[in-house]
Full PDB file with SEQRES, HELIX, SHEET, SSBOND, CRYST1, ORIGX, SCALE, CONECT and MASTER records, all heavy atoms in Angstrom:
SEQRES   1 A   32  GLU THR ALA LYS ARG ILE ALA ASN GLY ASP ASP TYR VAL          
SEQRES   2 A   32  ILE ARG PHE LYS MET PHE ASP GLY GLU ASP THR SER ARG          
SEQRES   3 A   32  GLY THR LEU SER THR GLN                                      
HELIX    1 AA1 THR A    2  ALA A    7  1                                   6    
HELIX    2 AA2 THR A   24  ARG A   26  5                                   3    
CRYST1    1.000    1.000    1.000  90.00  90.00  90.00 P 1           1          
ORIGX1      1.000000  0.000000  0.000000        0.00000                         
ORIGX2      0.000000  1.000000  0.000000        0.00000                         
ORIGX3      0.000000  0.000000  1.000000        0.00000                         
SCALE1      1.000000  0.000000  0.000000        0.00000                         
SCALE2      0.000000  1.000000  0.000000        0.00000                         
SCALE3      0.000000  0.000000  1.000000        0.00000                         
ATOM      1  N   GLU A   1      95.774 145.811  73.302  1.00  0.00           N  
ATOM      2  CA  GLU A   1      94.476 146.211  73.842  1.00  0.00           C  
ATOM      3  C   GLU A   1      94.232 145.566  75.207  1.00  0.00           C  
ATOM      4  O   GLU A   1      93.710 146.196  76.133  1.00  0.00           O  
ATOM      5  CB  GLU A   1      93.365 145.810  72.872  1.00  0.00           C  
ATOM      6  CG  GLU A   1      91.953 146.207  73.316  1.00  0.00           C  
ATOM      7  CD  GLU A   1      91.759 147.705  73.451  1.00  0.00           C  
ATOM      8  OE1 GLU A   1      92.516 148.481  72.824  1.00  0.00           O  
ATOM      9  OE2 GLU A   1      90.846 148.106  74.202  1.00  0.00           O  
ATOM     10  N   THR A   2      94.627 144.305  75.334  1.00  0.00           N  
ATOM     11  CA  THR A   2      94.484 143.609  76.620  1.00  0.00           C  
ATOM     12  C   THR A   2      95.292 144.316  77.702  1.00  0.00           C  
ATOM     13  O   THR A   2      94.791 144.582  78.803  1.00  0.00           O  
ATOM     14  CB  THR A   2      94.958 142.150  76.496  1.00  0.00           C  
ATOM     15  OG1 THR A   2      94.149 141.469  75.525  1.00  0.00           O  
ATOM     16  CG2 THR A   2      94.858 141.424  77.837  1.00  0.00           C  
ATOM     17  N   ALA A   3      96.556 144.619  77.393  1.00  0.00           N  
ATOM     18  CA  ALA A   3      97.430 145.289  78.364  1.00  0.00           C  
ATOM     19  C   ALA A   3      96.880 146.659  78.732  1.00  0.00           C  
ATOM     20  O   ALA A   3      96.938 147.072  79.899  1.00  0.00           O  
ATOM     21  CB  ALA A   3      98.837 145.419  77.785  1.00  0.00           C  
ATOM     22  N   LYS A   4      96.350 147.365  77.740  1.00  0.00           N  
ATOM     23  CA  LYS A   4      95.803 148.706  77.967  1.00  0.00           C  
ATOM     24  C   LYS A   4      94.614 148.644  78.916  1.00  0.00           C  
ATOM     25  O   LYS A   4      94.476 149.462  79.836  1.00  0.00           O  
ATOM     26  CB  LYS A   4      95.393 149.312  76.630  1.00  0.00           C  
ATOM     27  CG  LYS A   4      94.849 150.731  76.739  1.00  0.00           C  
ATOM     28  CD  LYS A   4      94.483 151.256  75.361  1.00  0.00           C  
ATOM     29  CE  LYS A   4      93.854 152.651  75.466  1.00  0.00           C  
ATOM     30  NZ  LYS A   4      93.444 153.162  74.135  1.00  0.00           N  
ATOM     31  N   ARG A   5      93.745 147.679  78.719  1.00  0.00           N  
ATOM     32  CA  ARG A   5      92.544 147.576  79.555  1.00  0.00           C  
ATOM     33  C   ARG A   5      92.897 147.191  80.994  1.00  0.00           C  
ATOM     34  O   ARG A   5      92.279 147.674  81.943  1.00  0.00           O  
ATOM     35  CB  ARG A   5      91.566 146.579  78.941  1.00  0.00           C  
ATOM     36  CG  ARG A   5      90.986 147.114  77.621  1.00  0.00           C  
ATOM     37  CD  ARG A   5      89.954 146.208  77.025  1.00  0.00           C  
ATOM     38  NE  ARG A   5      88.744 146.138  77.842  1.00  0.00           N  
ATOM     39  CZ  ARG A   5      87.620 145.560  77.429  1.00  0.00           C  
ATOM     40  NH1 ARG A   5      87.558 145.035  76.200  1.00  0.00           N  
ATOM     41  NH2 ARG A   5      86.569 145.516  78.208  1.00  0.00           N  
ATOM     42  N   ILE A   6      93.897 146.341  81.136  1.00  0.00           N  
ATOM     43  CA  ILE A   6      94.341 145.986  82.495  1.00  0.00           C  
ATOM     44  C   ILE A   6      94.948 147.208  83.167  1.00  0.00           C  
ATOM     45  O   ILE A   6      94.678 147.489  84.344  1.00  0.00           O  
ATOM     46  CB  ILE A   6      95.355 144.822  82.443  1.00  0.00           C  
ATOM     47  CG1 ILE A   6      94.645 143.536  81.976  1.00  0.00           C  
ATOM     48  CG2 ILE A   6      95.991 144.592  83.821  1.00  0.00           C  
ATOM     49  CD1 ILE A   6      95.594 142.378  81.715  1.00  0.00           C  
ATOM     50  N   ALA A   7      95.768 147.960  82.412  1.00  0.00           N  
ATOM     51  CA  ALA A   7      96.403 149.161  82.958  1.00  0.00           C  
ATOM     52  C   ALA A   7      95.363 150.219  83.331  1.00  0.00           C  
ATOM     53  O   ALA A   7      95.561 150.983  84.288  1.00  0.00           O  
ATOM     54  CB  ALA A   7      97.394 149.729  81.944  1.00  0.00           C  
ATOM     55  N   ASN A   8      94.277 150.268  82.602  1.00  0.00           N  
ATOM     56  CA  ASN A   8      93.207 151.245  82.872  1.00  0.00           C  
ATOM     57  C   ASN A   8      92.376 150.852  84.101  1.00  0.00           C  
ATOM     58  O   ASN A   8      91.510 151.614  84.532  1.00  0.00           O  
ATOM     59  CB  ASN A   8      92.269 151.367  81.667  1.00  0.00           C  
ATOM     60  CG  ASN A   8      92.913 152.145  80.539  1.00  0.00           C  
ATOM     61  OD1 ASN A   8      93.891 152.866  80.746  1.00  0.00           O  
ATOM     62  ND2 ASN A   8      92.379 151.980  79.324  1.00  0.00           N  
ATOM     63  N   GLY A   9      92.613 149.664  84.612  1.00  0.00           N  
ATOM     64  CA  GLY A   9      91.873 149.212  85.790  1.00  0.00           C  
ATOM     65  C   GLY A   9      90.532 148.591  85.466  1.00  0.00           C  
ATOM     66  O   GLY A   9      89.663 148.493  86.339  1.00  0.00           O  
ATOM     67  N   ASP A  10      90.343 148.145  84.209  1.00  0.00           N  
ATOM     68  CA  ASP A  10      89.088 147.472  83.853  1.00  0.00           C  
ATOM     69  C   ASP A  10      88.952 146.164  84.653  1.00  0.00           C  
ATOM     70  O   ASP A  10      89.934 145.462  84.884  1.00  0.00           O  
ATOM     71  CB  ASP A  10      89.074 147.128  82.353  1.00  0.00           C  
ATOM     72  CG  ASP A  10      88.893 148.353  81.477  1.00  0.00           C  
ATOM     73  OD1 ASP A  10      88.979 149.481  82.027  1.00  0.00           O  
ATOM     74  OD2 ASP A  10      88.691 148.188  80.270  1.00  0.00           O  
ATOM     75  N   ASP A  11      87.721 145.874  85.066  1.00  0.00           N  
ATOM     76  CA  ASP A  11      87.482 144.612  85.784  1.00  0.00           C  
ATOM     77  C   ASP A  11      87.728 143.429  84.854  1.00  0.00           C  
ATOM     78  O   ASP A  11      87.346 143.463  83.669  1.00  0.00           O  
ATOM     79  CB  ASP A  11      86.041 144.557  86.295  1.00  0.00           C  
ATOM     80  CG  ASP A  11      85.830 145.470  87.491  1.00  0.00           C  
ATOM     81  OD1 ASP A  11      86.830 145.808  88.151  1.00  0.00           O  
ATOM     82  OD2 ASP A  11      84.677 145.832  87.758  1.00  0.00           O  
ATOM     83  N   TYR A  12      88.364 142.421  85.383  1.00  0.00           N  
ATOM     84  CA  TYR A  12      88.593 141.216  84.584  1.00  0.00           C  
ATOM     85  C   TYR A  12      88.634 140.002  85.494  1.00  0.00           C  
ATOM     86  O   TYR A  12      88.751 140.109  86.720  1.00  0.00           O  
ATOM     87  CB  TYR A  12      89.916 141.323  83.811  1.00  0.00           C  
ATOM     88  CG  TYR A  12      91.143 141.261  84.688  1.00  0.00           C  
ATOM     89  CD1 TYR A  12      91.717 140.043  85.053  1.00  0.00           C  
ATOM     90  CD2 TYR A  12      91.731 142.437  85.166  1.00  0.00           C  
ATOM     91  CE1 TYR A  12      92.824 139.983  85.883  1.00  0.00           C  
ATOM     92  CE2 TYR A  12      92.839 142.388  85.991  1.00  0.00           C  
ATOM     93  CZ  TYR A  12      93.392 141.166  86.351  1.00  0.00           C  
ATOM     94  OH  TYR A  12      94.489 141.106  87.173  1.00  0.00           O  
ATOM     95  N   VAL A  13      88.526 138.837  84.885  1.00  0.00           N  
ATOM     96  CA  VAL A  13      88.802 137.573  85.559  1.00  0.00           C  
ATOM     97  C   VAL A  13      89.768 136.797  84.693  1.00  0.00           C  
ATOM     98  O   VAL A  13      89.922 137.100  83.498  1.00  0.00           O  
ATOM     99  CB  VAL A  13      87.520 136.733  85.788  1.00  0.00           C  
ATOM    100  CG1 VAL A  13      86.553 137.466  86.704  1.00  0.00           C  
ATOM    101  CG2 VAL A  13      86.852 136.368  84.464  1.00  0.00           C  
ATOM    102  N   ILE A  14      90.430 135.831  85.287  1.00  0.00           N  
ATOM    103  CA  ILE A  14      91.282 134.935  84.506  1.00  0.00           C  
ATOM    104  C   ILE A  14      90.568 133.594  84.435  1.00  0.00           C  
ATOM    105  O   ILE A  14      90.214 133.009  85.464  1.00  0.00           O  
ATOM    106  CB  ILE A  14      92.676 134.781  85.141  1.00  0.00           C  
ATOM    107  CG1 ILE A  14      93.428 136.117  85.088  1.00  0.00           C  
ATOM    108  CG2 ILE A  14      93.481 133.692  84.433  1.00  0.00           C  
ATOM    109  CD1 ILE A  14      94.799 136.091  85.758  1.00  0.00           C  
ATOM    110  N   ARG A  15      90.317 133.151  83.208  1.00  0.00           N  
ATOM    111  CA  ARG A  15      89.618 131.880  82.983  1.00  0.00           C  
ATOM    112  C   ARG A  15      90.579 130.809  82.481  1.00  0.00           C  
ATOM    113  O   ARG A  15      91.533 131.103  81.753  1.00  0.00           O  
ATOM    114  CB  ARG A  15      88.485 132.057  81.959  1.00  0.00           C  
ATOM    115  CG  ARG A  15      87.293 132.859  82.484  1.00  0.00           C  
ATOM    116  CD  ARG A  15      86.192 132.951  81.433  1.00  0.00           C  
ATOM    117  NE  ARG A  15      85.023 133.675  81.908  1.00  0.00           N  
ATOM    118  CZ  ARG A  15      84.004 133.131  82.555  1.00  0.00           C  
ATOM    119  NH1 ARG A  15      84.014 131.818  82.795  1.00  0.00           N  
ATOM    120  NH2 ARG A  15      82.989 133.864  82.957  1.00  0.00           N  
ATOM    121  N   PHE A  16      90.305 129.573  82.852  1.00  0.00           N  
ATOM    122  CA  PHE A  16      91.107 128.434  82.406  1.00  0.00           C  
ATOM    123  C   PHE A  16      90.592 127.953  81.050  1.00  0.00           C  
ATOM    124  O   PHE A  16      89.381 127.818  80.851  1.00  0.00           O  
ATOM    125  CB  PHE A  16      91.010 127.297  83.418  1.00  0.00           C  
ATOM    126  CG  PHE A  16      91.945 126.149  83.130  1.00  0.00           C  
ATOM    127  CD1 PHE A  16      93.309 126.279  83.346  1.00  0.00           C  
ATOM    128  CD2 PHE A  16      91.458 124.943  82.642  1.00  0.00           C  
ATOM    129  CE1 PHE A  16      94.170 125.221  83.089  1.00  0.00           C  
ATOM    130  CE2 PHE A  16      92.312 123.886  82.375  1.00  0.00           C  
ATOM    131  CZ  PHE A  16      93.676 124.023  82.598  1.00  0.00           C  
ATOM    132  N   LYS A  17      91.483 127.700  80.146  1.00  0.00           N  
ATOM    133  CA  LYS A  17      91.089 127.220  78.816  1.00  0.00           C  
ATOM    134  C   LYS A  17      90.907 125.700  78.899  1.00  0.00           C  
ATOM    135  O   LYS A  17      91.838 124.922  78.716  1.00  0.00           O  
ATOM    136  CB  LYS A  17      92.153 127.579  77.786  1.00  0.00           C  
ATOM    137  CG  LYS A  17      91.677 127.429  76.343  1.00  0.00           C  
ATOM    138  CD  LYS A  17      92.814 127.635  75.352  1.00  0.00           C  
ATOM    139  CE  LYS A  17      93.291 129.073  75.340  1.00  0.00           C  
ATOM    140  NZ  LYS A  17      94.364 129.264  74.312  1.00  0.00           N  
ATOM    141  N   MET A  18      89.682 125.303  79.183  1.00  0.00           N  
ATOM    142  CA  MET A  18      89.385 123.894  79.451  1.00  0.00           C  
ATOM    143  C   MET A  18      89.591 123.013  78.223  1.00  0.00           C  
ATOM    144  O   MET A  18      90.111 121.902  78.315  1.00  0.00           O  
ATOM    145  CB  MET A  18      87.945 123.759  79.949  1.00  0.00           C  
ATOM    146  CG  MET A  18      87.505 122.338  80.237  1.00  0.00           C  
ATOM    147  SD  MET A  18      88.492 121.514  81.494  1.00  0.00           S  
ATOM    148  CE  MET A  18      87.937 122.349  82.964  1.00  0.00           C  
ATOM    149  N   PHE A  19      89.200 123.528  77.052  1.00  0.00           N  
ATOM    150  CA  PHE A  19      89.274 122.711  75.832  1.00  0.00           C  
ATOM    151  C   PHE A  19      89.532 123.631  74.651  1.00  0.00           C  
ATOM    152  O   PHE A  19      88.955 124.707  74.550  1.00  0.00           O  
ATOM    153  CB  PHE A  19      87.958 121.951  75.641  1.00  0.00           C  
ATOM    154  CG  PHE A  19      87.872 121.182  74.348  1.00  0.00           C  
ATOM    155  CD1 PHE A  19      88.567 119.998  74.178  1.00  0.00           C  
ATOM    156  CD2 PHE A  19      87.090 121.652  73.294  1.00  0.00           C  
ATOM    157  CE1 PHE A  19      88.481 119.288  72.987  1.00  0.00           C  
ATOM    158  CE2 PHE A  19      87.003 120.941  72.104  1.00  0.00           C  
ATOM    159  CZ  PHE A  19      87.702 119.755  71.955  1.00  0.00           C  
ATOM    160  N   ASP A  20      90.425 123.202  73.800  1.00  0.00           N  
ATOM    161  CA  ASP A  20      90.715 123.956  72.586  1.00  0.00           C  
ATOM    162  C   ASP A  20      90.134 123.168  71.418  1.00  0.00           C  
ATOM    163  O   ASP A  20      90.527 122.037  71.169  1.00  0.00           O  
ATOM    164  CB  ASP A  20      92.227 124.123  72.431  1.00  0.00           C  
ATOM    165  CG  ASP A  20      92.581 125.070  71.303  1.00  0.00           C  
ATOM    166  OD1 ASP A  20      91.773 125.215  70.364  1.00  0.00           O  
ATOM    167  OD2 ASP A  20      93.672 125.660  71.354  1.00  0.00           O  
ATOM    168  N   GLY A  21      89.187 123.739  70.720  1.00  0.00           N  
ATOM    169  CA  GLY A  21      88.507 123.024  69.643  1.00  0.00           C  
ATOM    170  C   GLY A  21      89.434 122.485  68.566  1.00  0.00           C  
ATOM    171  O   GLY A  21      89.111 121.531  67.866  1.00  0.00           O  
ATOM    172  N   GLU A  22      90.624 123.082  68.452  1.00  0.00           N  
ATOM    173  CA  GLU A  22      91.566 122.627  67.418  1.00  0.00           C  
ATOM    174  C   GLU A  22      92.420 121.455  67.894  1.00  0.00           C  
ATOM    175  O   GLU A  22      93.075 120.800  67.105  1.00  0.00           O  
ATOM    176  CB  GLU A  22      92.472 123.798  67.020  1.00  0.00           C  
ATOM    177  CG  GLU A  22      91.706 124.963  66.397  1.00  0.00           C  
ATOM    178  CD  GLU A  22      92.623 126.151  66.117  1.00  0.00           C  
ATOM    179  OE1 GLU A  22      93.830 126.022  66.390  1.00  0.00           O  
ATOM    180  OE2 GLU A  22      92.123 127.177  65.629  1.00  0.00           O  
ATOM    181  N   ASP A  23      92.434 121.212  69.197  1.00  0.00           N  
ATOM    182  CA  ASP A  23      93.262 120.136  69.758  1.00  0.00           C  
ATOM    183  C   ASP A  23      92.374 118.951  70.137  1.00  0.00           C  
ATOM    184  O   ASP A  23      91.910 118.829  71.255  1.00  0.00           O  
ATOM    185  CB  ASP A  23      94.016 120.654  70.988  1.00  0.00           C  
ATOM    186  CG  ASP A  23      94.994 119.608  71.543  1.00  0.00           C  
ATOM    187  OD1 ASP A  23      95.058 118.499  70.972  1.00  0.00           O  
ATOM    188  OD2 ASP A  23      95.667 119.902  72.542  1.00  0.00           O  
ATOM    189  N   THR A  24      92.139 118.075  69.173  1.00  0.00           N  
ATOM    190  CA  THR A  24      91.221 116.951  69.397  1.00  0.00           C  
ATOM    191  C   THR A  24      91.773 115.934  70.394  1.00  0.00           C  
ATOM    192  O   THR A  24      91.023 115.140  70.955  1.00  0.00           O  
ATOM    193  CB  THR A  24      90.934 116.227  68.075  1.00  0.00           C  
ATOM    194  OG1 THR A  24      92.186 115.837  67.472  1.00  0.00           O  
ATOM    195  CG2 THR A  24      90.178 117.133  67.116  1.00  0.00           C  
ATOM    196  N   SER A  25      93.090 115.974  70.650  1.00  0.00           N  
ATOM    197  CA  SER A  25      93.672 115.026  71.603  1.00  0.00           C  
ATOM    198  C   SER A  25      93.202 115.296  73.026  1.00  0.00           C  
ATOM    199  O   SER A  25      93.314 114.447  73.896  1.00  0.00           O  
ATOM    200  CB  SER A  25      95.204 115.087  71.554  1.00  0.00           C  
ATOM    201  OG  SER A  25      95.670 116.350  72.018  1.00  0.00           O  
ATOM    202  N   ARG A  26      92.668 116.491  73.256  1.00  0.00           N  
ATOM    203  CA  ARG A  26      92.195 116.835  74.589  1.00  0.00           C  
ATOM    204  C   ARG A  26      90.676 116.751  74.678  1.00  0.00           C  
ATOM    205  O   ARG A  26      90.049 117.432  75.473  1.00  0.00           O  
ATOM    206  CB  ARG A  26      92.655 118.244  74.974  1.00  0.00           C  
ATOM    207  CG  ARG A  26      94.118 118.315  75.404  1.00  0.00           C  
ATOM    208  CD  ARG A  26      94.543 119.726  75.754  1.00  0.00           C  
ATOM    209  NE  ARG A  26      93.674 120.305  76.773  1.00  0.00           N  
ATOM    210  CZ  ARG A  26      93.565 121.611  76.991  1.00  0.00           C  
ATOM    211  NH1 ARG A  26      94.247 122.462  76.248  1.00  0.00           N  
ATOM    212  NH2 ARG A  26      92.770 122.053  77.934  1.00  0.00           N  
ATOM    213  N   GLY A  27      90.079 115.905  73.879  1.00  0.00           N  
ATOM    214  CA  GLY A  27      88.622 115.809  73.869  1.00  0.00           C  
ATOM    215  C   GLY A  27      88.045 115.100  75.073  1.00  0.00           C  
ATOM    216  O   GLY A  27      86.990 115.455  75.572  1.00  0.00           O  
ATOM    217  N   THR A  28      88.757 114.075  75.570  1.00  0.00           N  
ATOM    218  CA  THR A  28      88.284 113.295  76.717  1.00  0.00           C  
ATOM    219  C   THR A  28      89.398 113.159  77.732  1.00  0.00           C  
ATOM    220  O   THR A  28      90.557 112.946  77.377  1.00  0.00           O  
ATOM    221  CB  THR A  28      87.832 111.894  76.272  1.00  0.00           C  
ATOM    222  OG1 THR A  28      86.786 112.029  75.318  1.00  0.00           O  
ATOM    223  CG2 THR A  28      87.316 111.086  77.449  1.00  0.00           C  
ATOM    224  N   LEU A  29      89.029 113.273  78.991  1.00  0.00           N  
ATOM    225  CA  LEU A  29      90.006 113.060  80.061  1.00  0.00           C  
ATOM    226  C   LEU A  29      89.578 111.827  80.849  1.00  0.00           C  
ATOM    227  O   LEU A  29      88.439 111.743  81.319  1.00  0.00           O  
ATOM    228  CB  LEU A  29      90.073 114.281  80.982  1.00  0.00           C  
ATOM    229  CG  LEU A  29      91.130 114.218  82.093  1.00  0.00           C  
ATOM    230  CD1 LEU A  29      91.736 115.580  82.332  1.00  0.00           C  
ATOM    231  CD2 LEU A  29      90.538 113.680  83.401  1.00  0.00           C  
ATOM    232  N   SER A  30      90.483 110.881  80.987  1.00  0.00           N  
ATOM    233  CA  SER A  30      90.239 109.675  81.784  1.00  0.00           C  
ATOM    234  C   SER A  30      91.202 109.667  82.955  1.00  0.00           C  
ATOM    235  O   SER A  30      92.394 109.933  82.783  1.00  0.00           O  
ATOM    236  CB  SER A  30      90.459 108.410  80.945  1.00  0.00           C  
ATOM    237  OG  SER A  30      89.508 108.328  79.909  1.00  0.00           O  
ATOM    238  N   THR A  31      90.682 109.378  84.123  1.00  0.00           N  
ATOM    239  CA  THR A  31      91.543 109.335  85.307  1.00  0.00           C  
ATOM    240  C   THR A  31      90.999 108.306  86.288  1.00  0.00           C  
ATOM    241  O   THR A  31      89.872 107.822  86.144  1.00  0.00           O  
ATOM    242  CB  THR A  31      91.632 110.728  85.966  1.00  0.00           C  
ATOM    243  OG1 THR A  31      92.641 110.720  86.973  1.00  0.00           O  
ATOM    244  CG2 THR A  31      90.309 111.151  86.577  1.00  0.00           C  
ATOM    245  N   GLN A  32      91.795 107.985  87.282  1.00  0.00           N  
ATOM    246  CA  GLN A  32      91.415 106.985  88.274  1.00  0.00           C  
ATOM    247  C   GLN A  32      90.995 107.646  89.585  1.00  0.00           C  
ATOM    248  O   GLN A  32      91.662 108.556  90.072  1.00  0.00           O  
ATOM    249  CB  GLN A  32      92.582 106.027  88.553  1.00  0.00           C  
ATOM    250  CG  GLN A  32      92.867 105.042  87.426  1.00  0.00           C  
ATOM    251  CD  GLN A  32      91.755 104.032  87.235  1.00  0.00           C  
ATOM    252  OE1 GLN A  32      91.219 103.485  88.191  1.00  0.00           O  
ATOM    253  NE2 GLN A  32      91.398 103.772  85.988  1.00  0.00           N  
TER     254      GLN A  32                                                      
MASTER        0    0    0    2    0    0    0    6  253    1    0    3          
END                                                                             
């Protein structure tokens, strides 16, 4: 369905998956 909609020329954006609720290891980001 995704491929079909892209082929049909439907408007879309690409979003970054900032956090996955199932991956608790990515809950906090610490950096300097």
